[in-house]
Amino acid sequence: MTDIIALLRPRTLLLGNLAATGEWGIRSPYQTDPTFYLVTEGECWFEPDYAEAVRVCAGDYLLAAQPSSVCFVSHPGAKLVLSDTEFKQRNTVNNELRVGTLAEGPTTRILGGLILCDPANADLLFGLLPRFTHIRAAEEVGERLGSLMRIIVDETNAARPARDMVLSRLIEVMLIETLRRDGARRALQPQGLLGGLADPKLARALAHIHADVGRAWTVAELARSAGMSRSRFARRFTDIVGAAPVEYLLAWRMALAKDALLHSHKPLSQIAADVGYQSASAFSTAFSGKVGCAPTQYQAQNLG
């Protein structure tokens, strides 16, 4: 889990604050990046475009990990407005987007932000996180996430040295807190890395792969580490993780290679050796087959 999050190099862009009163409903533009929200005051309903509405209250934390457009409403069925650039310009007061009838009833306030990941491996996050996570304020992790969000806001608004690095580490902690929560491990998605990590036997095999990615692992060796027969292990790994063991190993090798190509100064031969290939040519062939272009071409295109 931490291996993947480190590879994502996450950072954040705060979307801003919402203040709503009376009857109201607001839809976000379609977001391809994961979005997170903290209800800082009041209560409302959260309506993702792929699940039933859920009631959220002050202190609740939400993470929408898949590309989507989400809605917040005063009550289910409320009329929606699209929070596009023009709408925000017309309705923002003191850095706060205001909706509803301001003179009516208590105010609900929501803080939202984007999680921006390194493009090389951003798709890894979609396979790791549940599509939607709701953590209530009463949960222990909910209190920690609320504190993290307040620090993120403070760090974003301040002009301190090394701010970007601090924000990146805070977002990493926020993702880890979300992922290691028991409820997230038992997400509705039956497949994926979280499912494998929640299975004690598969978790041992996954730990071996990540501890020594350069080793020429065989299915038989991984099955022994999991204490299972070869055929049963291969079937169970594929069913839960969503890829055969050797396919998972190859995908992780390529993820590490893409990161090294963009963020290190290692020669191609060293990168090849690090991820388990005896020659640069063998690595280039595997990389081209998986990524669709040669390593040098990938490096030139993405660095450019």
C-alpha atoms as a PDB file:
ATOM      1  CA  MET A   1       0.000   0.000   0.000  1.00  0.00           C
ATOM      2  CA  THR A   2       2.746   2.442   0.953  1.00  0.00           C
ATOM      3  CA  ASP A   3       4.802   1.356  -2.067  1.00  0.00           C
ATOM      4  CA  ILE A   4       1.994   2.383  -4.394  1.00  0.00           C
ATOM      5  CA  ILE A   5       1.196   5.657  -2.630  1.00  0.00           C
ATOM      6  CA  ALA A   6       4.866   6.665  -2.734  1.00  0.00           C
ATOM      7  CA  LEU A   7       4.846   5.949  -6.471  1.00  0.00           C
ATOM      8  CA  LEU A   8       1.767   8.142  -6.955  1.00  0.00           C
ATOM      9  CA  ARG A   9       3.592  11.230  -5.606  1.00  0.00           C
ATOM     10  CA  PRO A  10       0.239  12.776  -4.624  1.00  0.00           C
ATOM     11  CA  ARG A  11      -0.316  16.483  -4.157  1.00  0.00           C
ATOM     12  CA  THR A  12      -3.439  18.525  -3.644  1.00  0.00           C
ATOM     13  CA  LEU A  13      -5.326  21.415  -5.119  1.00  0.00           C
ATOM     14  CA  LEU A  14      -8.004  22.841  -2.851  1.00  0.00           C
ATOM     15  CA  LEU A  15     -11.271  23.497  -4.671  1.00  0.00           C
ATOM     16  CA  GLY A  16     -12.512  25.881  -2.009  1.00  0.00           C
ATOM     17  CA  ASN A  17     -15.324  26.304   0.500  1.00  0.00           C
ATOM     18  CA  LEU A  18     -19.065  25.936   0.030  1.00  0.00           C
ATOM     19  CA  ALA A  19     -21.636  27.649   2.268  1.00  0.00           C
ATOM     20  CA  ALA A  20     -25.288  26.674   1.770  1.00  0.00           C
ATOM     21  CA  THR A  21     -28.574  27.552   3.456  1.00  0.00           C
ATOM     22  CA  GLY A  22     -32.269  26.950   2.844  1.00  0.00           C
ATOM     23  CA  GLU A  23     -33.132  24.658  -0.072  1.00  0.00           C
ATOM     24  CA  TRP A  24     -30.200  24.055  -2.380  1.00  0.00           C
ATOM     25  CA  GLY A  25     -28.405  21.580  -4.603  1.00  0.00           C
ATOM     26  CA  ILE A  26     -25.081  21.793  -6.389  1.00  0.00           C
ATOM     27  CA  ARG A  27     -23.364  19.502  -8.898  1.00  0.00           C
ATOM     28  CA  SER A  28     -19.628  19.538  -9.479  1.00  0.00           C
ATOM     29  CA  PRO A  29     -18.164  19.473 -12.984  1.00  0.00           C
ATOM     30  CA  TYR A  30     -16.939  16.036 -14.064  1.00  0.00           C
ATOM     31  CA  GLN A  31     -13.642  15.349 -12.315  1.00  0.00           C
ATOM     32  CA  THR A  32     -11.100  12.808 -13.557  1.00  0.00           C
ATOM     33  CA  ASP A  33      -9.008  13.166 -10.386  1.00  0.00           C
ATOM     34  CA  PRO A  34     -10.074  11.835  -6.972  1.00  0.00           C
ATOM     35  CA  THR A  35     -11.884  14.424  -4.869  1.00  0.00           C
ATOM     36  CA  PHE A  36     -12.143  14.705  -1.078  1.00  0.00           C
ATOM     37  CA  TYR A  37     -14.545  16.663   1.089  1.00  0.00           C
ATOM     38  CA  LEU A  38     -14.935  17.555   4.743  1.00  0.00           C
ATOM     39  CA  VAL A  39     -18.257  18.784   6.116  1.00  0.00           C
ATOM     40  CA  THR A  40     -17.152  21.480   8.535  1.00  0.00           C
ATOM     41  CA  GLU A  41     -20.588  22.687   9.649  1.00  0.00           C
ATOM     42  CA  GLY A  42     -24.232  21.587   9.424  1.00  0.00           C
ATOM     43  CA  GLU A  43     -25.517  18.606   7.435  1.00  0.00           C
ATOM     44  CA  CYS A  44     -26.715  17.689   3.947  1.00  0.00           C
ATOM     45  CA  TRP A  45     -26.934  14.787   1.491  1.00  0.00           C
ATOM     46  CA  PHE A  46     -24.134  13.543  -0.760  1.00  0.00           C
ATOM     47  CA  GLU A  47     -25.255  12.115  -4.110  1.00  0.00           C
ATOM     48  CA  PRO A  48     -22.559  10.446  -6.234  1.00  0.00           C
ATOM     49  CA  ASP A  49     -23.619   9.556  -9.767  1.00  0.00           C
ATOM     50  CA  TYR A  50     -22.997   5.844  -9.135  1.00  0.00           C
ATOM     51  CA  ALA A  51     -24.596   5.170  -5.719  1.00  0.00           C
ATOM     52  CA  GLU A  52     -27.507   6.031  -3.459  1.00  0.00           C
ATOM     53  CA  ALA A  53     -27.537   9.321  -1.560  1.00  0.00           C
ATOM     54  CA  VAL A  54     -26.001   9.342   1.928  1.00  0.00           C
ATOM     55  CA  ARG A  55     -26.612  11.810   4.727  1.00  0.00           C
ATOM     56  CA  VAL A  56     -23.462  13.580   5.912  1.00  0.00           C
ATOM     57  CA  CYS A  57     -22.934  15.700   9.013  1.00  0.00           C
ATOM     58  CA  ALA A  58     -20.321  18.048  10.455  1.00  0.00           C
ATOM     59  CA  GLY A  59     -16.974  16.279  10.714  1.00  0.00           C
ATOM     60  CA  ASP A  60     -17.760  13.637   8.086  1.00  0.00           C
ATOM     61  CA  TYR A  61     -15.088  12.939   5.465  1.00  0.00           C
ATOM     62  CA  LEU A  62     -15.803  11.820   1.892  1.00  0.00           C
ATOM     63  CA  LEU A  63     -13.463  10.527  -0.787  1.00  0.00           C
ATOM     64  CA  ALA A  64     -14.705   9.983  -4.351  1.00  0.00           C
ATOM     65  CA  ALA A  65     -11.842   8.031  -5.919  1.00  0.00           C
ATOM     66  CA  GLN A  66     -13.189   7.351  -9.403  1.00  0.00           C
ATOM     67  CA  PRO A  67     -13.826   9.887 -12.189  1.00  0.00           C
ATOM     68  CA  SER A  68     -17.285  11.296 -11.531  1.00  0.00           C
ATOM     69  CA  SER A  69     -19.560  14.266 -11.019  1.00  0.00           C
ATOM     70  CA  VAL A  70     -20.957  14.480  -7.487  1.00  0.00           C
ATOM     71  CA  CYS A  71     -23.824  16.414  -5.938  1.00  0.00           C
ATOM     72  CA  PHE A  72     -24.480  17.913  -2.524  1.00  0.00           C
ATOM     73  CA  VAL A  73     -28.107  18.764  -1.738  1.00  0.00           C
ATOM     74  CA  SER A  74     -30.124  20.060   1.198  1.00  0.00           C
ATOM     75  CA  HIS A  75     -32.481  17.106   0.725  1.00  0.00           C
ATOM     76  CA  PRO A  76     -32.907  14.375  -1.907  1.00  0.00           C
ATOM     77  CA  GLY A  77     -34.688  15.725  -4.964  1.00  0.00           C
ATOM     78  CA  ALA A  78     -33.572  19.331  -4.521  1.00  0.00           C
ATOM     79  CA  LYS A  79     -33.018  21.308  -7.717  1.00  0.00           C
ATOM     80  CA  LEU A  80     -29.388  21.273  -8.860  1.00  0.00           C
ATOM     81  CA  VAL A  81     -27.141  23.987 -10.249  1.00  0.00           C
ATOM     82  CA  LEU A  82     -23.848  23.231 -11.987  1.00  0.00           C
ATOM     83  CA  SER A  83     -20.837  24.664 -10.166  1.00  0.00           C
ATOM     84  CA  ASP A  84     -18.971  25.736 -13.296  1.00  0.00           C
ATOM     85  CA  THR A  85     -16.522  28.639 -13.592  1.00  0.00           C
ATOM     86  CA  GLU A  86     -19.188  31.216 -14.438  1.00  0.00           C
ATOM     87  CA  PHE A  87     -21.406  30.158 -11.530  1.00  0.00           C
ATOM     88  CA  LYS A  88     -18.484  30.347  -9.108  1.00  0.00           C
ATOM     89  CA  GLN A  89     -17.513  33.826 -10.264  1.00  0.00           C
ATOM     90  CA  ARG A  90     -21.060  35.109  -9.703  1.00  0.00           C
ATOM     91  CA  ASN A  91     -21.603  33.483  -6.318  1.00  0.00           C
ATOM     92  CA  THR A  92     -18.249  33.585  -4.494  1.00  0.00           C
ATOM     93  CA  VAL A  93     -17.999  35.955  -1.539  1.00  0.00           C
ATOM     94  CA  ASN A  94     -14.854  36.162   0.613  1.00  0.00           C
ATOM     95  CA  ASN A  95     -13.439  33.016  -1.012  1.00  0.00           C
ATOM     96  CA  GLU A  96     -16.626  31.105  -0.174  1.00  0.00           C
ATOM     97  CA  LEU A  97     -19.076  29.755  -2.772  1.00  0.00           C
ATOM     98  CA  ARG A  98     -22.600  30.505  -1.541  1.00  0.00           C
ATOM     99  CA  VAL A  99     -25.771  28.715  -2.635  1.00  0.00           C
ATOM    100  CA  GLY A 100     -29.384  28.576  -1.489  1.00  0.00           C
ATOM    101  CA  THR A 101     -31.392  31.261   0.243  1.00  0.00           C
ATOM    102  CA  LEU A 102     -28.891  32.834   2.621  1.00  0.00           C
ATOM    103  CA  ALA A 103     -31.528  34.169   5.014  1.00  0.00           C
ATOM    104  CA  GLU A 104     -33.152  30.774   5.595  1.00  0.00           C
ATOM    105  CA  GLY A 105     -32.107  28.224   8.200  1.00  0.00           C
ATOM    106  CA  PRO A 106     -28.734  26.991   9.459  1.00  0.00           C
ATOM    107  CA  THR A 107     -25.648  27.018   7.270  1.00  0.00           C
ATOM    108  CA  THR A 108     -23.895  23.947   5.924  1.00  0.00           C
ATOM    109  CA  ARG A 109     -20.233  24.347   5.053  1.00  0.00           C
ATOM    110  CA  ILE A 110     -18.086  21.943   3.022  1.00  0.00           C
ATOM    111  CA  LEU A 111     -14.386  22.053   2.181  1.00  0.00           C
ATOM    112  CA  GLY A 112     -13.295  20.229  -0.972  1.00  0.00           C
ATOM    113  CA  GLY A 113     -10.102  19.426  -2.843  1.00  0.00           C
ATOM    114  CA  LEU A 114      -8.507  17.399  -5.617  1.00  0.00           C
ATOM    115  CA  ILE A 115      -5.824  14.740  -5.266  1.00  0.00           C
ATOM    116  CA  LEU A 116      -3.391  15.123  -8.154  1.00  0.00           C
ATOM    117  CA  CYS A 117      -1.119  12.147  -8.806  1.00  0.00           C
ATOM    118  CA  ASP A 118       1.918  11.627 -10.999  1.00  0.00           C
ATOM    119  CA  PRO A 119       0.479  10.914 -14.471  1.00  0.00           C
ATOM    120  CA  ALA A 120       2.837   7.972 -14.994  1.00  0.00           C
ATOM    121  CA  ASN A 121       0.962   5.801 -12.504  1.00  0.00           C
ATOM    122  CA  ALA A 122      -2.194   7.722 -11.604  1.00  0.00           C
ATOM    123  CA  ASP A 123      -4.339   4.767 -12.694  1.00  0.00           C
ATOM    124  CA  LEU A 124      -2.942   2.717  -9.784  1.00  0.00           C
ATOM    125  CA  LEU A 125      -5.034   4.747  -7.354  1.00  0.00           C
ATOM    126  CA  PHE A 126      -8.270   3.813  -9.110  1.00  0.00           C
ATOM    127  CA  GLY A 127      -7.500   0.127  -8.562  1.00  0.00           C
ATOM    128  CA  LEU A 128      -6.494   0.660  -4.956  1.00  0.00           C
ATOM    129  CA  LEU A 129      -9.270   2.812  -3.520  1.00  0.00           C
ATOM    130  CA  PRO A 130     -12.945   1.981  -3.173  1.00  0.00           C
ATOM    131  CA  ARG A 131     -15.025   4.058  -5.571  1.00  0.00           C
ATOM    132  CA  PHE A 132     -16.552   5.964  -2.677  1.00  0.00           C
ATOM    133  CA  THR A 133     -15.545   6.198   0.979  1.00  0.00           C
ATOM    134  CA  HIS A 134     -17.612   7.843   3.719  1.00  0.00           C
ATOM    135  CA  ILE A 135     -15.953   8.152   7.120  1.00  0.00           C
ATOM    136  CA  ARG A 136     -18.123   9.542   9.887  1.00  0.00           C
ATOM    137  CA  ALA A 137     -16.854  12.054  12.406  1.00  0.00           C
ATOM    138  CA  ALA A 138     -17.576   9.666  15.278  1.00  0.00           C
ATOM    139  CA  GLU A 139     -15.003   7.154  13.980  1.00  0.00           C
ATOM    140  CA  GLU A 140     -11.510   7.452  15.420  1.00  0.00           C
ATOM    141  CA  VAL A 141     -10.000   7.808  11.943  1.00  0.00           C
ATOM    142  CA  GLY A 142     -12.609  10.481  11.194  1.00  0.00           C
ATOM    143  CA  GLU A 143     -11.149  12.709  13.910  1.00  0.00           C
ATOM    144  CA  ARG A 144      -7.634  12.253  12.525  1.00  0.00           C
ATOM    145  CA  LEU A 145      -8.757  12.990   8.972  1.00  0.00           C
ATOM    146  CA  GLY A 146     -10.507  16.144  10.137  1.00  0.00           C
ATOM    147  CA  SER A 147      -7.310  17.296  11.822  1.00  0.00           C
ATOM    148  CA  LEU A 148      -5.314  16.497   8.692  1.00  0.00           C
ATOM    149  CA  MET A 149      -7.703  18.511   6.542  1.00  0.00           C
ATOM    150  CA  ARG A 150      -7.336  21.541   8.798  1.00  0.00           C
ATOM    151  CA  ILE A 151      -3.549  21.289   8.573  1.00  0.00           C
ATOM    152  CA  ILE A 152      -3.779  20.956   4.778  1.00  0.00           C
ATOM    153  CA  VAL A 153      -5.879  24.130   4.584  1.00  0.00           C
ATOM    154  CA  ASP A 154      -3.491  25.993   6.865  1.00  0.00           C
ATOM    155  CA  GLU A 155      -0.452  24.846   4.866  1.00  0.00           C
ATOM    156  CA  THR A 156      -2.117  25.745   1.557  1.00  0.00           C
ATOM    157  CA  ASN A 157      -2.914  29.270   2.715  1.00  0.00           C
ATOM    158  CA  ALA A 158       0.506  29.933   4.216  1.00  0.00           C
ATOM    159  CA  ALA A 159       3.683  30.840   2.319  1.00  0.00           C
ATOM    160  CA  ARG A 160       6.073  28.640   4.272  1.00  0.00           C
ATOM    161  CA  PRO A 161       9.275  27.075   2.888  1.00  0.00           C
ATOM    162  CA  ALA A 162       8.892  23.549   1.426  1.00  0.00           C
ATOM    163  CA  ARG A 163       5.101  23.895   1.349  1.00  0.00           C
ATOM    164  CA  ASP A 164       4.675  21.556  -1.647  1.00  0.00           C
ATOM    165  CA  MET A 165       6.655  18.793   0.041  1.00  0.00           C
ATOM    166  CA  VAL A 166       4.677  19.143   3.268  1.00  0.00           C
ATOM    167  CA  LEU A 167       1.361  19.047   1.389  1.00  0.00           C
ATOM    168  CA  SER A 168       2.462  15.958  -0.525  1.00  0.00           C
ATOM    169  CA  ARG A 169       3.256  14.128   2.724  1.00  0.00           C
ATOM    170  CA  LEU A 170      -0.050  15.203   4.287  1.00  0.00           C
ATOM    171  CA  ILE A 171      -1.985  13.837   1.306  1.00  0.00           C
ATOM    172  CA  GLU A 172      -0.028  10.569   1.534  1.00  0.00           C
ATOM    173  CA  VAL A 173      -1.027  10.242   5.185  1.00  0.00           C
ATOM    174  CA  MET A 174      -4.640  11.062   4.334  1.00  0.00           C
ATOM    175  CA  LEU A 175      -4.741   8.302   1.705  1.00  0.00           C
ATOM    176  CA  ILE A 176      -3.117   5.764   4.016  1.00  0.00           C
ATOM    177  CA  GLU A 177      -5.548   6.585   6.829  1.00  0.00           C
ATOM    178  CA  THR A 178      -8.420   6.022   4.402  1.00  0.00           C
ATOM    179  CA  LEU A 179      -7.023   2.777   3.030  1.00  0.00           C
ATOM    180  CA  ARG A 180      -6.113   1.075   6.270  1.00  0.00           C
ATOM    181  CA  ARG A 181      -9.527   1.629   7.766  1.00  0.00           C
ATOM    182  CA  ASP A 182     -11.242  -1.746   8.117  1.00  0.00           C
ATOM    183  CA  GLY A 183     -14.300  -0.598   6.232  1.00  0.00           C
ATOM    184  CA  ALA A 184     -12.195   0.414   3.228  1.00  0.00           C
ATOM    185  CA  ARG A 185     -10.556  -2.995   3.091  1.00  0.00           C
ATOM    186  CA  ARG A 186     -13.967  -4.604   2.870  1.00  0.00           C
ATOM    187  CA  ALA A 187     -15.134  -2.264   0.124  1.00  0.00           C
ATOM    188  CA  LEU A 188     -17.910  -3.222  -2.221  1.00  0.00           C
ATOM    189  CA  GLN A 189     -15.413  -3.915  -4.974  1.00  0.00           C
ATOM    190  CA  PRO A 190     -14.623  -7.646  -4.749  1.00  0.00           C
ATOM    191  CA  GLN A 191     -11.391  -7.332  -6.749  1.00  0.00           C
ATOM    192  CA  GLY A 192      -8.266  -5.277  -6.380  1.00  0.00           C
ATOM    193  CA  LEU A 193      -5.188  -4.934  -4.244  1.00  0.00           C
ATOM    194  CA  LEU A 194      -7.196  -4.120  -1.090  1.00  0.00           C
ATOM    195  CA  GLY A 195      -8.983  -7.439  -1.439  1.00  0.00           C
ATOM    196  CA  GLY A 196      -5.643  -9.219  -1.738  1.00  0.00           C
ATOM    197  CA  LEU A 197      -4.192  -7.416   1.278  1.00  0.00           C
ATOM    198  CA  ALA A 198      -7.254  -8.339   3.327  1.00  0.00           C
ATOM    199  CA  ASP A 199      -6.631 -12.039   2.564  1.00  0.00           C
ATOM    200  CA  PRO A 200      -3.843 -13.221   4.919  1.00  0.00           C
ATOM    201  CA  LYS A 201      -2.503 -15.835   2.497  1.00  0.00           C
ATOM    202  CA  LEU A 202      -2.507 -13.621  -0.568  1.00  0.00           C
ATOM    203  CA  ALA A 203      -1.050 -10.776   1.494  1.00  0.00           C
ATOM    204  CA  ARG A 204       2.037 -12.896   2.187  1.00  0.00           C
ATOM    205  CA  ALA A 205       2.563 -13.495  -1.535  1.00  0.00           C
ATOM    206  CA  LEU A 206       2.041  -9.820  -2.333  1.00  0.00           C
ATOM    207  CA  ALA A 207       4.564  -8.864   0.346  1.00  0.00           C
ATOM    208  CA  HIS A 208       7.135 -11.185  -1.245  1.00  0.00           C
ATOM    209  CA  ILE A 209       6.584  -9.620  -4.682  1.00  0.00           C
ATOM    210  CA  HIS A 210       6.977  -6.076  -3.388  1.00  0.00           C
ATOM    211  CA  ALA A 211       9.987  -6.933  -1.217  1.00  0.00           C
ATOM    212  CA  ASP A 212      11.942  -8.376  -4.172  1.00  0.00           C
ATOM    213  CA  VAL A 213      10.422  -7.238  -7.455  1.00  0.00           C
ATOM    214  CA  GLY A 214      13.588  -8.115  -9.388  1.00  0.00           C
ATOM    215  CA  ARG A 215      13.372 -11.804  -8.558  1.00  0.00           C
ATOM    216  CA  ALA A 216      12.112 -14.197 -11.230  1.00  0.00           C
ATOM    217  CA  TRP A 217       9.147 -15.308  -9.149  1.00  0.00           C
ATOM    218  CA  THR A 218       7.262 -18.413 -10.209  1.00  0.00           C
ATOM    219  CA  VAL A 219       3.667 -19.184  -9.345  1.00  0.00           C
ATOM    220  CA  ALA A 220       4.882 -22.263  -7.448  1.00  0.00           C
ATOM    221  CA  GLU A 221       7.188 -20.161  -5.221  1.00  0.00           C
ATOM    222  CA  LEU A 222       4.470 -17.629  -4.463  1.00  0.00           C
ATOM    223  CA  ALA A 223       1.996 -20.414  -3.753  1.00  0.00           C
ATOM    224  CA  ARG A 224       4.411 -21.933  -1.209  1.00  0.00           C
ATOM    225  CA  SER A 225       4.774 -18.547   0.503  1.00  0.00           C
ATOM    226  CA  ALA A 226       0.990 -18.425   0.788  1.00  0.00           C
ATOM    227  CA  GLY A 227       0.774 -22.022   2.046  1.00  0.00           C
ATOM    228  CA  MET A 228      -1.457 -23.100  -0.825  1.00  0.00           C
ATOM    229  CA  SER A 229      -1.336 -25.455  -3.788  1.00  0.00           C
ATOM    230  CA  ARG A 230      -0.208 -23.920  -7.059  1.00  0.00           C
ATOM    231  CA  SER A 231      -3.554 -24.229  -8.829  1.00  0.00           C
ATOM    232  CA  ARG A 232      -5.624 -23.028  -5.876  1.00  0.00           C
ATOM    233  CA  PHE A 233      -3.323 -20.067  -5.277  1.00  0.00           C
ATOM    234  CA  ALA A 234      -3.347 -18.995  -8.942  1.00  0.00           C
ATOM    235  CA  ARG A 235      -7.135 -19.175  -9.091  1.00  0.00           C
ATOM    236  CA  ARG A 236      -7.662 -17.346  -5.815  1.00  0.00           C
ATOM    237  CA  PHE A 237      -5.105 -14.641  -6.633  1.00  0.00           C
ATOM    238  CA  THR A 238      -6.698 -13.972 -10.019  1.00  0.00           C
ATOM    239  CA  ASP A 239     -10.242 -13.940  -8.628  1.00  0.00           C
ATOM    240  CA  ILE A 240      -9.481 -11.494  -5.803  1.00  0.00           C
ATOM    241  CA  VAL A 241      -6.641  -9.296  -7.055  1.00  0.00           C
ATOM    242  CA  GLY A 242      -8.011  -9.169 -10.599  1.00  0.00           C
ATOM    243  CA  ALA A 243      -4.848 -10.325 -12.371  1.00  0.00           C
ATOM    244  CA  ALA A 244      -2.810 -13.516 -12.483  1.00  0.00           C
ATOM    245  CA  PRO A 245       0.271 -13.495 -10.202  1.00  0.00           C
ATOM    246  CA  VAL A 246       2.765 -13.139 -13.074  1.00  0.00           C
ATOM    247  CA  GLU A 247       0.617 -10.400 -14.667  1.00  0.00           C
ATOM    248  CA  TYR A 248       0.556  -8.503 -11.371  1.00  0.00           C
ATOM    249  CA  LEU A 249       4.343  -8.821 -11.058  1.00  0.00           C
ATOM    250  CA  LEU A 250       4.801  -7.486 -14.614  1.00  0.00           C
ATOM    251  CA  ALA A 251       2.422  -4.581 -14.018  1.00  0.00           C
ATOM    252  CA  TRP A 252       4.247  -3.595 -10.817  1.00  0.00           C
ATOM    253  CA  ARG A 253       7.616  -3.832 -12.562  1.00  0.00           C
ATOM    254  CA  MET A 254       6.398  -1.509 -15.305  1.00  0.00           C
ATOM    255  CA  ALA A 255       4.983   0.950 -12.761  1.00  0.00           C
ATOM    256  CA  LEU A 256       8.369   1.128 -11.032  1.00  0.00           C
ATOM    257  CA  ALA A 257      10.127   1.450 -14.379  1.00  0.00           C
ATOM    258  CA  LYS A 258       7.914   4.340 -15.518  1.00  0.00           C
ATOM    259  CA  ASP A 259       8.597   6.162 -12.272  1.00  0.00           C
ATOM    260  CA  ALA A 260      12.356   5.604 -12.597  1.00  0.00           C
ATOM    261  CA  LEU A 261      12.368   6.793 -16.212  1.00  0.00           C
ATOM    262  CA  LEU A 262      10.734  10.071 -15.215  1.00  0.00           C
ATOM    263  CA  HIS A 263      12.225  10.730 -11.785  1.00  0.00           C
ATOM    264  CA  SER A 264      15.713   9.230 -11.687  1.00  0.00           C
ATOM    265  CA  HIS A 265      18.930   9.667 -13.621  1.00  0.00           C
ATOM    266  CA  LYS A 266      19.689   5.942 -13.815  1.00  0.00           C
ATOM    267  CA  PRO A 267      20.815   4.462 -17.131  1.00  0.00           C
ATOM    268  CA  LEU A 268      18.411   2.104 -18.877  1.00  0.00           C
ATOM    269  CA  SER A 269      20.544  -0.901 -17.991  1.00  0.00           C
ATOM    270  CA  GLN A 270      20.279  -0.118 -14.265  1.00  0.00           C
ATOM    271  CA  ILE A 271      16.512   0.398 -14.419  1.00  0.00           C
ATOM    272  CA  ALA A 272      16.218  -2.914 -16.249  1.00  0.00           C
ATOM    273  CA  ALA A 273      18.252  -4.709 -13.580  1.00  0.00           C
ATOM    274  CA  ASP A 274      16.283  -3.093 -10.750  1.00  0.00           C
ATOM    275  CA  VAL A 275      12.990  -4.471 -12.062  1.00  0.00           C
ATOM    276  CA  GLY A 276      14.256  -7.957 -12.889  1.00  0.00           C
ATOM    277  CA  TYR A 277      15.616  -7.956 -16.433  1.00  0.00           C
ATOM    278  CA  GLN A 278      19.107  -9.186 -17.345  1.00  0.00           C
ATOM    279  CA  SER A 279      19.528  -6.786 -20.244  1.00  0.00           C
ATOM    280  CA  ALA A 280      18.231  -3.432 -21.445  1.00  0.00           C
ATOM    281  CA  SER A 281      16.959  -5.054 -24.650  1.00  0.00           C
ATOM    282  CA  ALA A 282      14.862  -7.610 -22.748  1.00  0.00           C
ATOM    283  CA  PHE A 283      13.447  -4.840 -20.590  1.00  0.00           C
ATOM    284  CA  SER A 284      12.692  -2.675 -23.634  1.00  0.00           C
ATOM    285  CA  THR A 285      10.784  -5.522 -25.270  1.00  0.00           C
ATOM    286  CA  ALA A 286       8.686  -6.131 -22.119  1.00  0.00           C
ATOM    287  CA  PHE A 287       8.104  -2.407 -21.596  1.00  0.00           C
ATOM    288  CA  SER A 288       7.008  -1.862 -25.205  1.00  0.00           C
ATOM    289  CA  GLY A 289       4.600  -4.775 -24.987  1.00  0.00           C
ATOM    290  CA  LYS A 290       3.006  -3.489 -21.794  1.00  0.00           C
ATOM    291  CA  VAL A 291       3.128   0.311 -22.246  1.00  0.00           C
ATOM    292  CA  GLY A 292       2.934   0.567 -26.038  1.00  0.00           C
ATOM    293  CA  CYS A 293       6.219   2.349 -26.726  1.00  0.00           C
ATOM    294  CA  ALA A 294       9.939   1.949 -26.037  1.00  0.00           C
ATOM    295  CA  PRO A 295      11.298   3.205 -22.679  1.00  0.00           C
ATOM    296  CA  THR A 296      13.339   5.983 -24.315  1.00  0.00           C
ATOM    297  CA  GLN A 297      10.307   7.123 -26.309  1.00  0.00           C
ATOM    298  CA  TYR A 298       8.129   7.079 -23.174  1.00  0.00           C
ATOM    299  CA  GLN A 299      10.741   9.091 -21.287  1.00  0.00           C
ATOM    300  CA  ALA A 300      11.111  11.687 -24.050  1.00  0.00           C
ATOM    301  CA  GLN A 301       7.367  12.145 -24.510  1.00  0.00           C
ATOM    302  CA  ASN A 302       6.533  12.505 -20.834  1.00  0.00           C
ATOM    303  CA  LEU A 303       9.500  14.608 -19.791  1.00  0.00           C
ATOM    304  CA  GLY A 304       8.809  16.893 -22.724  1.00  0.00           C
END
